C-alpha atoms as a PDB file:
ATOM      1  CA  MET A   1     -26.376  29.886  31.233  1.00  0.00           C
ATOM      2  CA  LYS A   2     -25.880  31.310  34.717  1.00  0.00           C
ATOM      3  CA  ARG A   3     -22.111  31.118  34.276  1.00  0.00           C
ATOM      4  CA  ILE A   4     -22.242  33.003  30.982  1.00  0.00           C
ATOM      5  CA  VAL A   5     -24.335  35.796  32.512  1.00  0.00           C
ATOM      6  CA  LEU A   6     -22.087  36.026  35.581  1.00  0.00           C
ATOM      7  CA  SER A   7     -18.993  36.038  33.369  1.00  0.00           C
ATOM      8  CA  ALA A   8     -20.443  38.802  31.207  1.00  0.00           C
ATOM      9  CA  VAL A   9     -21.328  40.880  34.275  1.00  0.00           C
ATOM     10  CA  GLY A  10     -17.838  40.316  35.677  1.00  0.00           C
ATOM     11  CA  LEU A  11     -16.231  41.483  32.435  1.00  0.00           C
ATOM     12  CA  LEU A  12     -18.431  44.567  32.347  1.00  0.00           C
ATOM     13  CA  LEU A  13     -17.545  45.464  35.940  1.00  0.00           C
ATOM     14  CA  ALA A  14     -13.860  44.905  35.283  1.00  0.00           C
ATOM     15  CA  SER A  15     -13.972  47.410  32.430  1.00  0.00           C
ATOM     16  CA  VAL A  16     -15.417  50.238  34.559  1.00  0.00           C
ATOM     17  CA  PRO A  17     -12.665  52.753  35.431  1.00  0.00           C
ATOM     18  CA  VAL A  18     -11.847  53.054  39.101  1.00  0.00           C
ATOM     19  CA  VAL A  19     -10.860  56.423  40.512  1.00  0.00           C
ATOM     20  CA  GLY A  20      -8.341  55.865  43.278  1.00  0.00           C
ATOM     21  CA  HIS A  21      -7.454  58.139  46.172  1.00  0.00           C
ATOM     22  CA  HIS A  22      -4.079  59.809  45.778  1.00  0.00           C
ATOM     23  CA  ALA A  23      -1.324  60.435  48.291  1.00  0.00           C
ATOM     24  CA  PHE A  24      -0.026  63.957  48.909  1.00  0.00           C
ATOM     25  CA  GLY A  25       3.322  63.144  47.272  1.00  0.00           C
ATOM     26  CA  GLY A  26       1.622  61.789  44.172  1.00  0.00           C
ATOM     27  CA  GLU A  27       0.068  65.116  43.242  1.00  0.00           C
ATOM     28  CA  PHE A  28       1.763  67.902  45.238  1.00  0.00           C
ATOM     29  CA  ASP A  29       5.363  69.060  45.554  1.00  0.00           C
ATOM     30  CA  PRO A  30       6.561  69.487  49.174  1.00  0.00           C
ATOM     31  CA  ASN A  31       9.454  71.582  47.817  1.00  0.00           C
ATOM     32  CA  LYS A  32       7.102  74.177  46.324  1.00  0.00           C
ATOM     33  CA  PRO A  33       5.295  75.944  49.162  1.00  0.00           C
ATOM     34  CA  VAL A  34       2.887  78.693  48.131  1.00  0.00           C
ATOM     35  CA  LEU A  35       1.072  81.561  49.837  1.00  0.00           C
ATOM     36  CA  LEU A  36      -2.170  82.707  48.220  1.00  0.00           C
ATOM     37  CA  LYS A  37      -4.490  85.520  49.216  1.00  0.00           C
ATOM     38  CA  GLY A  38      -7.768  85.752  47.378  1.00  0.00           C
ATOM     39  CA  LYS A  39     -11.517  85.926  47.361  1.00  0.00           C
ATOM     40  CA  ILE A  40     -13.556  82.760  47.731  1.00  0.00           C
ATOM     41  CA  THR A  41     -15.799  82.160  44.736  1.00  0.00           C
ATOM     42  CA  LYS A  42     -17.091  78.696  45.656  1.00  0.00           C
ATOM     43  CA  ILE A  43     -16.810  76.074  48.400  1.00  0.00           C
ATOM     44  CA  GLU A  44     -17.446  72.372  47.845  1.00  0.00           C
ATOM     45  CA  TRP A  45     -18.004  70.098  50.841  1.00  0.00           C
ATOM     46  CA  VAL A  46     -17.641  66.827  48.925  1.00  0.00           C
ATOM     47  CA  ASN A  47     -15.815  63.546  49.434  1.00  0.00           C
ATOM     48  CA  PRO A  48     -13.053  62.592  49.182  1.00  0.00           C
ATOM     49  CA  HIS A  49     -11.813  66.209  49.567  1.00  0.00           C
ATOM     50  CA  ALA A  50     -13.382  69.567  50.260  1.00  0.00           C
ATOM     51  CA  TRP A  51     -12.495  72.315  47.758  1.00  0.00           C
ATOM     52  CA  ILE A  52     -12.145  76.061  48.077  1.00  0.00           C
ATOM     53  CA  HIS A  53     -12.171  77.983  44.803  1.00  0.00           C
ATOM     54  CA  LEU A  54     -10.302  81.284  44.937  1.00  0.00           C
ATOM     55  CA  GLU A  55      -9.962  84.279  42.678  1.00  0.00           C
ATOM     56  CA  ILE A  56      -6.301  85.309  42.899  1.00  0.00           C
ATOM     57  CA  PRO A  57      -5.085  88.592  41.381  1.00  0.00           C
ATOM     58  CA  LYS A  58      -2.352  88.385  38.759  1.00  0.00           C
ATOM     59  CA  ALA A  59       0.683  90.466  39.682  1.00  0.00           C
ATOM     60  CA  ASP A  60       3.484  90.059  37.180  1.00  0.00           C
ATOM     61  CA  GLY A  61       3.456  86.301  37.618  1.00  0.00           C
ATOM     62  CA  ASN A  62       3.760  86.568  41.399  1.00  0.00           C
ATOM     63  CA  ILE A  63       1.112  84.304  42.925  1.00  0.00           C
ATOM     64  CA  SER A  64       1.563  85.767  46.416  1.00  0.00           C
ATOM     65  CA  CYS A  65      -0.106  89.154  46.010  1.00  0.00           C
ATOM     66  CA  GLU A  66      -2.629  91.394  47.728  1.00  0.00           C
ATOM     67  CA  PHE A  67      -6.251  91.230  46.655  1.00  0.00           C
ATOM     68  CA  THR A  68      -7.270  94.398  44.846  1.00  0.00           C
ATOM     69  CA  PRO A  69     -10.848  94.716  43.582  1.00  0.00           C
ATOM     70  CA  GLY A  70     -10.982  95.115  39.821  1.00  0.00           C
ATOM     71  CA  SER A  71      -7.626  93.467  39.192  1.00  0.00           C
ATOM     72  CA  LYS A  72      -7.250  90.740  36.592  1.00  0.00           C
ATOM     73  CA  CYS A  73      -7.600  87.458  38.417  1.00  0.00           C
ATOM     74  CA  GLU A  74      -7.140  83.774  37.828  1.00  0.00           C
ATOM     75  CA  GLU A  75      -9.002  80.901  39.411  1.00  0.00           C
ATOM     76  CA  TRP A  76      -7.225  78.607  41.865  1.00  0.00           C
ATOM     77  CA  MET A  77      -8.486  75.419  43.496  1.00  0.00           C
ATOM     78  CA  VAL A  78      -7.442  74.597  47.057  1.00  0.00           C
ATOM     79  CA  GLU A  79      -7.816  70.986  48.118  1.00  0.00           C
ATOM     80  CA  GLY A  80      -8.543  70.281  51.771  1.00  0.00           C
ATOM     81  CA  GLY A  81      -9.087  67.130  53.745  1.00  0.00           C
ATOM     82  CA  THR A  82     -12.309  65.177  53.845  1.00  0.00           C
ATOM     83  CA  PRO A  83     -15.322  67.127  55.108  1.00  0.00           C
ATOM     84  CA  ASN A  84     -15.414  64.874  58.184  1.00  0.00           C
ATOM     85  CA  SER A  85     -11.731  65.435  59.025  1.00  0.00           C
ATOM     86  CA  LEU A  86     -12.139  69.194  58.550  1.00  0.00           C
ATOM     87  CA  ARG A  87     -15.088  69.209  60.972  1.00  0.00           C
ATOM     88  CA  ARG A  88     -12.915  67.432  63.557  1.00  0.00           C
ATOM     89  CA  ARG A  89     -10.337  70.210  63.098  1.00  0.00           C
ATOM     90  CA  GLY A  90     -12.792  73.018  63.806  1.00  0.00           C
ATOM     91  CA  TRP A  91     -14.229  73.721  60.369  1.00  0.00           C
ATOM     92  CA  GLY A  92     -17.943  74.145  59.790  1.00  0.00           C
ATOM     93  CA  LYS A  93     -19.998  74.728  56.684  1.00  0.00           C
ATOM     94  CA  ASP A  94     -20.341  78.323  57.833  1.00  0.00           C
ATOM     95  CA  SER A  95     -16.586  78.850  58.484  1.00  0.00           C
ATOM     96  CA  LEU A  96     -16.168  80.233  54.971  1.00  0.00           C
ATOM     97  CA  LYS A  97     -18.479  81.884  52.517  1.00  0.00           C
ATOM     98  CA  ALA A  98     -18.253  83.145  48.965  1.00  0.00           C
ATOM     99  CA  GLY A  99     -16.790  86.653  48.976  1.00  0.00           C
ATOM    100  CA  ASP A 100     -14.522  86.112  52.017  1.00  0.00           C
ATOM    101  CA  VAL A 101     -10.881  87.038  51.449  1.00  0.00           C
ATOM    102  CA  VAL A 102      -8.637  84.330  52.919  1.00  0.00           C
ATOM    103  CA  THR A 103      -4.947  83.477  52.987  1.00  0.00           C
ATOM    104  CA  VAL A 104      -3.921  79.923  52.116  1.00  0.00           C
ATOM    105  CA  GLU A 105      -0.559  78.341  52.862  1.00  0.00           C
ATOM    106  CA  GLY A 106      -0.014  75.168  50.920  1.00  0.00           C
ATOM    107  CA  TYR A 107       1.882  73.289  48.265  1.00  0.00           C
ATOM    108  CA  MET A 108       1.716  73.547  44.478  1.00  0.00           C
ATOM    109  CA  ALA A 109       0.536  70.742  42.253  1.00  0.00           C
ATOM    110  CA  LYS A 110       3.384  68.883  40.555  1.00  0.00           C
ATOM    111  CA  ASN A 111       1.789  69.461  37.160  1.00  0.00           C
ATOM    112  CA  GLY A 112       2.028  73.261  37.532  1.00  0.00           C
ATOM    113  CA  SER A 113      -1.725  73.846  37.432  1.00  0.00           C
ATOM    114  CA  ASN A 114      -3.557  76.340  39.669  1.00  0.00           C
ATOM    115  CA  HIS A 115      -4.218  73.544  42.117  1.00  0.00           C
ATOM    116  CA  VAL A 116      -2.918  73.661  45.696  1.00  0.00           C
ATOM    117  CA  ASN A 117      -2.982  71.387  48.714  1.00  0.00           C
ATOM    118  CA  GLY A 118      -4.170  73.786  51.432  1.00  0.00           C
ATOM    119  CA  ARG A 119      -2.156  73.253  54.606  1.00  0.00           C
ATOM    120  CA  THR A 120      -3.653  76.192  56.533  1.00  0.00           C
ATOM    121  CA  VAL A 121      -6.366  78.704  55.786  1.00  0.00           C
ATOM    122  CA  THR A 122      -6.423  82.021  57.620  1.00  0.00           C
ATOM    123  CA  LEU A 123      -9.991  83.261  57.914  1.00  0.00           C
ATOM    124  CA  PRO A 124     -11.084  86.905  57.629  1.00  0.00           C
ATOM    125  CA  ASP A 125     -11.167  87.169  61.450  1.00  0.00           C
ATOM    126  CA  GLY A 126      -7.537  85.959  61.704  1.00  0.00           C
ATOM    127  CA  LYS A 127      -8.373  82.446  62.887  1.00  0.00           C
ATOM    128  CA  ARG A 128      -6.145  79.771  61.290  1.00  0.00           C
ATOM    129  CA  LEU A 129      -7.518  76.351  60.448  1.00  0.00           C
ATOM    130  CA  PHE A 130      -5.538  73.303  59.348  1.00  0.00           C
ATOM    131  CA  GLY A 131      -6.835  71.983  56.046  1.00  0.00           C
ATOM    132  CA  GLY A 132      -4.254  69.718  54.456  1.00  0.00           C
ATOM    133  CA  SER A 133      -3.392  66.077  54.632  1.00  0.00           C
ATOM    134  CA  ALA A 134      -1.261  64.330  57.222  1.00  0.00           C
ATOM    135  CA  ASP A 135       1.347  63.700  54.504  1.00  0.00           C
ATOM    136  CA  ASP A 136       2.165  67.428  54.205  1.00  0.00           C
ATOM    137  CA  GLY A 137       3.649  67.482  57.693  1.00  0.00           C
ATOM    138  CA  GLY A 138       0.521  68.800  59.388  1.00  0.00           C
ATOM    139  CA  PRO A 139      -1.253  67.448  62.445  1.00  0.00           C
ATOM    140  CA  GLY A 140      -3.616  64.493  62.483  1.00  0.00           C
ATOM    141  CA  GLY A 141      -4.640  62.063  59.836  1.00  0.00           C
ATOM    142  CA  GLN A 142      -7.377  62.043  57.282  1.00  0.00           C
END
């Protein structure tokens, strides 16, 4: 009876989907650098990656445009490193806040979505922080 129960539990566990960690090259295109300037709408300090949500103005399809209040905007998601790795690189939970206008240098998602790997983030005071993965050519590892 024990074997039947253990086998059933094993089969149930084997059927649970596993979400794996991705490599930079699996999701982002190193040949498609992007420069975004926008207003932070939300920051998520979660594992395995921190996220910065930006409101980026539309400008005739040009994604590298100046922020102008009242313009029609689209939401972008900027993926950073792990919260722990970002802390080691000088980030803090108070480094960014909703409403800050930042500039992000990064790489576009291969699927063409509004999803970017954020290599560097320039803060409102001009300070630049590294935020991407080691695979994008930046310093350090995750």
